[in-house]
PDB file of N, CA and C in Angstrom:
ATOM      1  N   MET A   1       0.782  -1.025   0.160  1.00  0.00           N
ATOM      2  CA  MET A   1       0.231  -0.004  -0.152  1.00  0.00           C
ATOM      3  C   MET A   1       0.853   1.187   0.077  1.00  0.00           C
ATOM      4  N   ASN A   2       0.641   2.172  -1.189  1.00  0.00           N
ATOM      5  CA  ASN A   2       1.522   3.294  -0.964  1.00  0.00           C
ATOM      6  C   ASN A   2       0.646   4.868   0.016  1.00  0.00           C
ATOM      7  N   ILE A   3       1.448   4.951   0.567  1.00  0.00           N
ATOM      8  CA  ILE A   3       1.041   6.096   1.139  1.00  0.00           C
ATOM      9  C   ILE A   3       1.240   7.483   0.669  1.00  0.00           C
ATOM     10  N   ASN A   4       1.073   8.237   0.318  1.00  0.00           N
ATOM     11  CA  ASN A   4       1.354   9.669  -0.278  1.00  0.00           C
ATOM     12  C   ASN A   4       1.477  10.722   0.609  1.00  0.00           C
ATOM     13  N   ALA A   5       2.895  11.005   0.276  1.00  0.00           N
ATOM     14  CA  ALA A   5       3.245  11.929   1.413  1.00  0.00           C
ATOM     15  C   ALA A   5       2.507  13.588   1.600  1.00  0.00           C
ATOM     16  N   THR A   6       2.060  13.543   0.311  1.00  0.00           N
ATOM     17  CA  THR A   6       1.561  14.981   0.098  1.00  0.00           C
ATOM     18  C   THR A   6       0.204  15.007   0.525  1.00  0.00           C
ATOM     19  N   LEU A   7      -0.709  13.979   0.424  1.00  0.00           N
ATOM     20  CA  LEU A   7      -1.630  13.985   1.117  1.00  0.00           C
ATOM     21  C   LEU A   7      -1.892  13.934   2.550  1.00  0.00           C
ATOM     22  N   LEU A   8      -0.619  13.181   3.026  1.00  0.00           N
ATOM     23  CA  LEU A   8      -0.662  13.434   4.488  1.00  0.00           C
ATOM     24  C   LEU A   8      -0.518  14.448   5.061  1.00  0.00           C
ATOM     25  N   GLY A   9       0.293  15.278   4.426  1.00  0.00           N
ATOM     26  CA  GLY A   9       0.852  16.625   4.834  1.00  0.00           C
ATOM     27  C   GLY A   9      -0.125  17.440   4.856  1.00  0.00           C
ATOM     28  N   GLU A  10      -1.095  17.460   3.622  1.00  0.00           N
ATOM     29  CA  GLU A  10      -2.464  18.244   3.557  1.00  0.00           C
ATOM     30  C   GLU A  10      -3.644  17.939   4.515  1.00  0.00           C
ATOM     31  N   ILE A  11      -3.415  16.871   5.055  1.00  0.00           N
ATOM     32  CA  ILE A  11      -4.424  16.323   6.098  1.00  0.00           C
ATOM     33  C   ILE A  11      -3.751  16.819   7.613  1.00  0.00           C
ATOM     34  N   MET A  12      -2.676  16.855   7.647  1.00  0.00           N
ATOM     35  CA  MET A  12      -2.051  17.370   8.723  1.00  0.00           C
ATOM     36  C   MET A  12      -2.312  19.006   9.148  1.00  0.00           C
ATOM     37  N   ILE A  13      -1.873  19.488   7.777  1.00  0.00           N
ATOM     38  CA  ILE A  13      -2.337  20.981   7.859  1.00  0.00           C
ATOM     39  C   ILE A  13      -3.832  21.392   7.944  1.00  0.00           C
ATOM     40  N   VAL A  14      -4.381  20.813   7.410  1.00  0.00           N
ATOM     41  CA  VAL A  14      -6.040  21.148   7.732  1.00  0.00           C
ATOM     42  C   VAL A  14      -6.406  20.387   9.266  1.00  0.00           C
ATOM     43  N   PHE A  15      -5.862  19.370  10.034  1.00  0.00           N
ATOM     44  CA  PHE A  15      -6.070  19.249  11.385  1.00  0.00           C
ATOM     45  C   PHE A  15      -5.269  20.240  12.327  1.00  0.00           C
ATOM     46  N   ILE A  16      -4.555  20.692  11.648  1.00  0.00           N
ATOM     47  CA  ILE A  16      -3.577  21.987  12.569  1.00  0.00           C
ATOM     48  C   ILE A  16      -4.468  23.354  12.599  1.00  0.00           C
ATOM     49  N   LEU A  17      -4.970  23.502  11.511  1.00  0.00           N
ATOM     50  CA  LEU A  17      -5.737  25.048  11.414  1.00  0.00           C
ATOM     51  C   LEU A  17      -7.161  24.405  11.955  1.00  0.00           C
ATOM     52  N   VAL A  18      -7.596  23.473  11.765  1.00  0.00           N
ATOM     53  CA  VAL A  18      -9.212  23.485  12.619  1.00  0.00           C
ATOM     54  C   VAL A  18      -9.118  23.224  14.151  1.00  0.00           C
ATOM     55  N   VAL A  19      -7.899  22.461  14.553  1.00  0.00           N
ATOM     56  CA  VAL A  19      -7.841  22.501  16.026  1.00  0.00           C
ATOM     57  C   VAL A  19      -7.630  24.078  16.394  1.00  0.00           C
ATOM     58  N   GLY A  20      -6.599  24.903  15.960  1.00  0.00           N
ATOM     59  CA  GLY A  20      -6.162  26.137  16.069  1.00  0.00           C
ATOM     60  C   GLY A  20      -7.460  27.073  16.100  1.00  0.00           C
ATOM     61  N   ALA A  21      -8.448  26.784  15.015  1.00  0.00           N
ATOM     62  CA  ALA A  21      -9.635  27.697  15.043  1.00  0.00           C
ATOM     63  C   ALA A  21     -10.606  27.206  16.225  1.00  0.00           C
ATOM     64  N   LEU A  22     -10.702  26.083  16.700  1.00  0.00           N
ATOM     65  CA  LEU A  22     -11.341  25.852  17.302  1.00  0.00           C
ATOM     66  C   LEU A  22     -11.066  26.540  18.927  1.00  0.00           C
ATOM     67  N   SER A  23      -9.935  26.164  18.774  1.00  0.00           N
ATOM     68  CA  SER A  23      -9.098  26.671  20.201  1.00  0.00           C
ATOM     69  C   SER A  23      -9.162  28.080  20.224  1.00  0.00           C
ATOM     70  N   TYR A  24      -9.342  29.135  19.178  1.00  0.00           N
ATOM     71  CA  TYR A  24      -9.513  30.411  19.392  1.00  0.00           C
ATOM     72  C   TYR A  24     -11.072  30.520  19.684  1.00  0.00           C
ATOM     73  N   TYR A  25     -11.985  29.817  19.056  1.00  0.00           N
ATOM     74  CA  TYR A  25     -13.458  29.935  19.123  1.00  0.00           C
ATOM     75  C   TYR A  25     -13.429  29.696  20.781  1.00  0.00           C
ATOM     76  N   LEU A  26     -13.003  28.599  21.251  1.00  0.00           N
ATOM     77  CA  LEU A  26     -13.313  28.101  22.420  1.00  0.00           C
ATOM     78  C   LEU A  26     -12.911  29.121  23.428  1.00  0.00           C
ATOM     79  N   GLY A  27     -11.475  29.763  23.174  1.00  0.00           N
ATOM     80  CA  GLY A  27     -10.930  30.527  24.096  1.00  0.00           C
ATOM     81  C   GLY A  27     -11.529  31.793  24.124  1.00  0.00           C
ATOM     82  N   ARG A  28     -12.299  32.273  23.281  1.00  0.00           N
ATOM     83  CA  ARG A  28     -12.997  33.555  23.534  1.00  0.00           C
ATOM     84  C   ARG A  28     -14.083  33.636  24.641  1.00  0.00           C
ATOM     85  N   ARG A  29     -14.793  32.335  24.502  1.00  0.00           N
ATOM     86  CA  ARG A  29     -15.285  31.949  25.744  1.00  0.00           C
ATOM     87  C   ARG A  29     -15.202  31.541  27.111  1.00  0.00           C
ATOM     88  N   LYS A  30     -14.072  30.824  26.803  1.00  0.00           N
ATOM     89  CA  LYS A  30     -12.987  30.353  28.594  1.00  0.00           C
ATOM     90  C   LYS A  30     -12.228  30.827  28.830  1.00  0.00           C
ATOM     91  N   THR A  31     -11.487  31.589  28.039  1.00  0.00           N
ATOM     92  CA  THR A  31     -10.175  32.653  28.601  1.00  0.00           C
ATOM     93  C   THR A  31     -10.436  33.889  28.679  1.00  0.00           C
ATOM     94  N   GLN A  32      -9.524  34.687  29.174  1.00  0.00           N
ATOM     95  CA  GLN A  32      -9.551  36.084  28.777  1.00  0.00           C
ATOM     96  C   GLN A  32      -8.524  36.743  27.690  1.00  0.00           C
ATOM     97  N   THR A  33      -7.480  35.359  27.228  1.00  0.00           N
ATOM     98  CA  THR A  33      -6.631  35.838  26.075  1.00  0.00           C
ATOM     99  C   THR A  33      -7.114  34.759  25.211  1.00  0.00           C
ATOM    100  N   PRO A  34      -8.009  35.223  24.431  1.00  0.00           N
ATOM    101  CA  PRO A  34      -8.483  34.319  23.165  1.00  0.00           C
ATOM    102  C   PRO A  34      -7.127  33.792  22.177  1.00  0.00           C
ATOM    103  N   ILE A  35      -6.663  34.867  21.771  1.00  0.00           N
ATOM    104  CA  ILE A  35      -5.554  34.922  20.834  1.00  0.00           C
ATOM    105  C   ILE A  35      -4.471  33.939  21.253  1.00  0.00           C
ATOM    106  N   LEU A  36      -3.949  34.064  22.631  1.00  0.00           N
ATOM    107  CA  LEU A  36      -2.822  33.131  23.053  1.00  0.00           C
ATOM    108  C   LEU A  36      -3.706  31.655  23.178  1.00  0.00           C
ATOM    109  N   ALA A  37      -4.987  31.284  23.710  1.00  0.00           N
ATOM    110  CA  ALA A  37      -5.209  29.984  23.402  1.00  0.00           C
ATOM    111  C   ALA A  37      -5.402  29.513  22.055  1.00  0.00           C
ATOM    112  N   GLY A  38      -5.629  30.482  21.083  1.00  0.00           N
ATOM    113  CA  GLY A  38      -5.776  29.909  19.594  1.00  0.00           C
ATOM    114  C   GLY A  38      -4.349  29.372  19.176  1.00  0.00           C
ATOM    115  N   LEU A  39      -3.335  30.239  19.603  1.00  0.00           N
ATOM    116  CA  LEU A  39      -2.000  29.856  19.120  1.00  0.00           C
ATOM    117  C   LEU A  39      -1.560  28.652  19.894  1.00  0.00           C
ATOM    118  N   LEU A  40      -1.542  28.471  21.300  1.00  0.00           N
ATOM    119  CA  LEU A  40      -1.220  27.470  22.036  1.00  0.00           C
ATOM    120  C   LEU A  40      -1.911  26.079  21.567  1.00  0.00           C
ATOM    121  N   GLY A  41      -3.415  26.304  20.976  1.00  0.00           N
ATOM    122  CA  GLY A  41      -3.905  25.038  20.368  1.00  0.00           C
ATOM    123  C   GLY A  41      -3.137  24.799  19.233  1.00  0.00           C
ATOM    124  N   LEU A  42      -2.898  26.201  18.507  1.00  0.00           N
ATOM    125  CA  LEU A  42      -2.278  25.677  17.002  1.00  0.00           C
ATOM    126  C   LEU A  42      -0.853  25.079  17.335  1.00  0.00           C
ATOM    127  N   VAL A  43       0.134  25.403  18.051  1.00  0.00           N
ATOM    128  CA  VAL A  43       1.329  24.586  18.348  1.00  0.00           C
ATOM    129  C   VAL A  43       1.211  23.507  18.780  1.00  0.00           C
ATOM    130  N   LEU A  44       0.442  23.217  19.831  1.00  0.00           N
ATOM    131  CA  LEU A  44      -0.140  21.734  20.283  1.00  0.00           C
ATOM    132  C   LEU A  44      -0.332  20.595  19.460  1.00  0.00           C
ATOM    133  N   SER A  45      -1.123  21.263  18.510  1.00  0.00           N
ATOM    134  CA  SER A  45      -2.035  20.288  17.422  1.00  0.00           C
ATOM    135  C   SER A  45      -0.853  19.911  16.382  1.00  0.00           C
ATOM    136  N   ILE A  46       0.455  20.304  16.498  1.00  0.00           N
ATOM    137  CA  ILE A  46       1.276  19.753  15.550  1.00  0.00           C
ATOM    138  C   ILE A  46       1.367  18.158  16.071  1.00  0.00           C
ATOM    139  N   ILE A  47       1.314  17.870  17.329  1.00  0.00           N
ATOM    140  CA  ILE A  47       1.458  16.424  17.622  1.00  0.00           C
ATOM    141  C   ILE A  47       0.054  16.184  17.791  1.00  0.00           C
ATOM    142  N   PRO A  48      -0.869  15.626  17.313  1.00  0.00           N
ATOM    143  CA  PRO A  48      -2.338  15.442  17.425  1.00  0.00           C
ATOM    144  C   PRO A  48      -2.878  15.395  18.530  1.00  0.00           C
ATOM    145  N   PRO A  49      -2.246  14.211  19.615  1.00  0.00           N
ATOM    146  CA  PRO A  49      -2.882  13.814  20.637  1.00  0.00           C
ATOM    147  C   PRO A  49      -2.753  15.110  21.837  1.00  0.00           C
ATOM    148  N   PHE A  50      -1.880  16.074  21.497  1.00  0.00           N
ATOM    149  CA  PHE A  50      -2.015  17.139  22.481  1.00  0.00           C
ATOM    150  C   PHE A  50      -2.873  18.224  21.987  1.00  0.00           C
ATOM    151  N   GLY A  51      -2.886  18.057  20.612  1.00  0.00           N
ATOM    152  CA  GLY A  51      -4.127  19.266  20.248  1.00  0.00           C
ATOM    153  C   GLY A  51      -5.420  18.819  20.681  1.00  0.00           C
ATOM    154  N   LEU A  52      -5.570  17.432  20.857  1.00  0.00           N
ATOM    155  CA  LEU A  52      -6.961  17.087  21.192  1.00  0.00           C
ATOM    156  C   LEU A  52      -7.264  17.171  22.297  1.00  0.00           C
ATOM    157  N   VAL A  53      -6.232  16.806  23.359  1.00  0.00           N
ATOM    158  CA  VAL A  53      -6.536  16.734  25.007  1.00  0.00           C
ATOM    159  C   VAL A  53      -6.133  18.309  25.216  1.00  0.00           C
ATOM    160  N   TYR A  54      -5.724  19.070  24.764  1.00  0.00           N
ATOM    161  CA  TYR A  54      -6.022  20.791  24.994  1.00  0.00           C
ATOM    162  C   TYR A  54      -7.648  21.138  24.672  1.00  0.00           C
ATOM    163  N   LEU A  55      -8.163  20.643  23.620  1.00  0.00           N
ATOM    164  CA  LEU A  55      -9.519  20.886  23.338  1.00  0.00           C
ATOM    165  C   LEU A  55     -10.168  20.495  24.110  1.00  0.00           C
ATOM    166  N   VAL A  56     -10.219  19.336  24.542  1.00  0.00           N
ATOM    167  CA  VAL A  56     -10.980  18.749  25.721  1.00  0.00           C
ATOM    168  C   VAL A  56     -10.861  19.608  27.108  1.00  0.00           C
ATOM    169  N   VAL A  57      -9.620  20.030  27.346  1.00  0.00           N
ATOM    170  CA  VAL A  57      -9.609  20.979  28.164  1.00  0.00           C
ATOM    171  C   VAL A  57     -10.290  22.444  28.528  1.00  0.00           C
ATOM    172  N   LEU A  58     -10.265  22.637  27.354  1.00  0.00           N
ATOM    173  CA  LEU A  58     -10.843  23.802  26.862  1.00  0.00           C
ATOM    174  C   LEU A  58     -12.271  23.718  26.927  1.00  0.00           C
ATOM    175  N   VAL A  59     -13.095  22.657  26.669  1.00  0.00           N
ATOM    176  CA  VAL A  59     -14.280  22.431  26.576  1.00  0.00           C
ATOM    177  C   VAL A  59     -14.567  22.121  28.066  1.00  0.00           C
ATOM    178  N   LEU A  60     -14.029  21.551  28.564  1.00  0.00           N
ATOM    179  CA  LEU A  60     -14.167  21.319  30.169  1.00  0.00           C
ATOM    180  C   LEU A  60     -14.294  22.445  31.023  1.00  0.00           C
ATOM    181  N   LYS A  61     -13.418  23.322  30.637  1.00  0.00           N
ATOM    182  CA  LYS A  61     -13.299  24.584  31.479  1.00  0.00           C
ATOM    183  C   LYS A  61     -14.768  25.638  31.602  1.00  0.00           C
ATOM    184  N   LYS A  62     -14.699  26.359  32.821  1.00  0.00           N
ATOM    185  CA  LYS A  62     -16.052  27.083  32.813  1.00  0.00           C
ATOM    186  C   LYS A  62     -15.751  28.226  31.971  1.00  0.00           C
ATOM    187  N   ASP A  63     -17.103  28.681  31.553  1.00  0.00           N
ATOM    188  CA  ASP A  63     -16.975  29.953  30.931  1.00  0.00           C
ATOM    189  C   ASP A  63     -16.373  31.147  31.619  1.00  0.00           C
ATOM    190  N   VAL A  64     -15.786  32.211  31.047  1.00  0.00           N
ATOM    191  CA  VAL A  64     -15.337  33.102  32.021  1.00  0.00           C
ATOM    192  C   VAL A  64     -16.691  34.476  32.008  1.00  0.00           C
ATOM    193  N   GLY A  65     -17.491  34.442  31.507  1.00  0.00           N
ATOM    194  CA  GLY A  65     -18.671  35.089  31.803  1.00  0.00           C
ATOM    195  C   GLY A  65     -19.746  34.564  32.834  1.00  0.00           C
ATOM    196  N   SER A  66     -19.377  33.296  32.898  1.00  0.00           N
ATOM    197  CA  SER A  66     -20.450  32.773  33.703  1.00  0.00           C
ATOM    198  C   SER A  66     -19.941  32.847  35.051  1.00  0.00           C
ATOM    199  N   THR A  67     -18.583  33.067  35.560  1.00  0.00           N
ATOM    200  CA  THR A  67     -18.076  33.113  37.047  1.00  0.00           C
ATOM    201  C   THR A  67     -18.101  34.595  37.699  1.00  0.00           C
ATOM    202  N   SER A  68     -18.389  35.518  36.457  1.00  0.00           N
ATOM    203  CA  SER A  68     -18.629  37.090  36.781  1.00  0.00           C
ATOM    204  C   SER A  68     -20.061  37.087  36.836  1.00  0.00           C
ATOM    205  N   GLU A  69     -20.776  36.753  36.511  1.00  0.00           N
ATOM    206  CA  GLU A  69     -22.623  37.005  36.508  1.00  0.00           C
ATOM    207  C   GLU A  69     -22.981  36.170  37.669  1.00  0.00           C
ATOM    208  N   ALA A  70     -22.313  34.914  38.313  1.00  0.00           N
ATOM    209  CA  ALA A  70     -22.344  34.241  39.682  1.00  0.00           C
ATOM    210  C   ALA A  70     -22.400  35.044  40.547  1.00  0.00           C
ATOM    211  N   VAL A  71     -21.310  35.618  40.647  1.00  0.00           N
ATOM    212  CA  VAL A  71     -20.914  36.458  41.879  1.00  0.00           C
ATOM    213  C   VAL A  71     -21.685  37.922  41.837  1.00  0.00           C
ATOM    214  N   SER A  72     -22.059  38.471  40.564  1.00  0.00           N
ATOM    215  CA  SER A  72     -22.780  39.875  40.790  1.00  0.00           C
ATOM    216  C   SER A  72     -24.270  39.505  41.092  1.00  0.00           C
ATOM    217  N   GLY A  73     -24.989  38.429  40.683  1.00  0.00           N
ATOM    218  CA  GLY A  73     -26.109  38.042  40.589  1.00  0.00           C
ATOM    219  C   GLY A  73     -26.428  37.389  41.769  1.00  0.00           C
TER     220      GLY A  73
END
């Protein structure tokens, strides 16, 4: 079975961009520094398991807005 390195590279680039975009989107809701969260997700997604674990951590983290609303309300 032949594995095309170009196809593998393209899949890897798409994965990195998707994880980076999802990290930024989740970072907007879950952190106060969404750009840093997106960049960290982009860097960690170079090794796919680290990128997926980072996304799981962001999903499980509480929203930034919900803690301030609970204190004031």
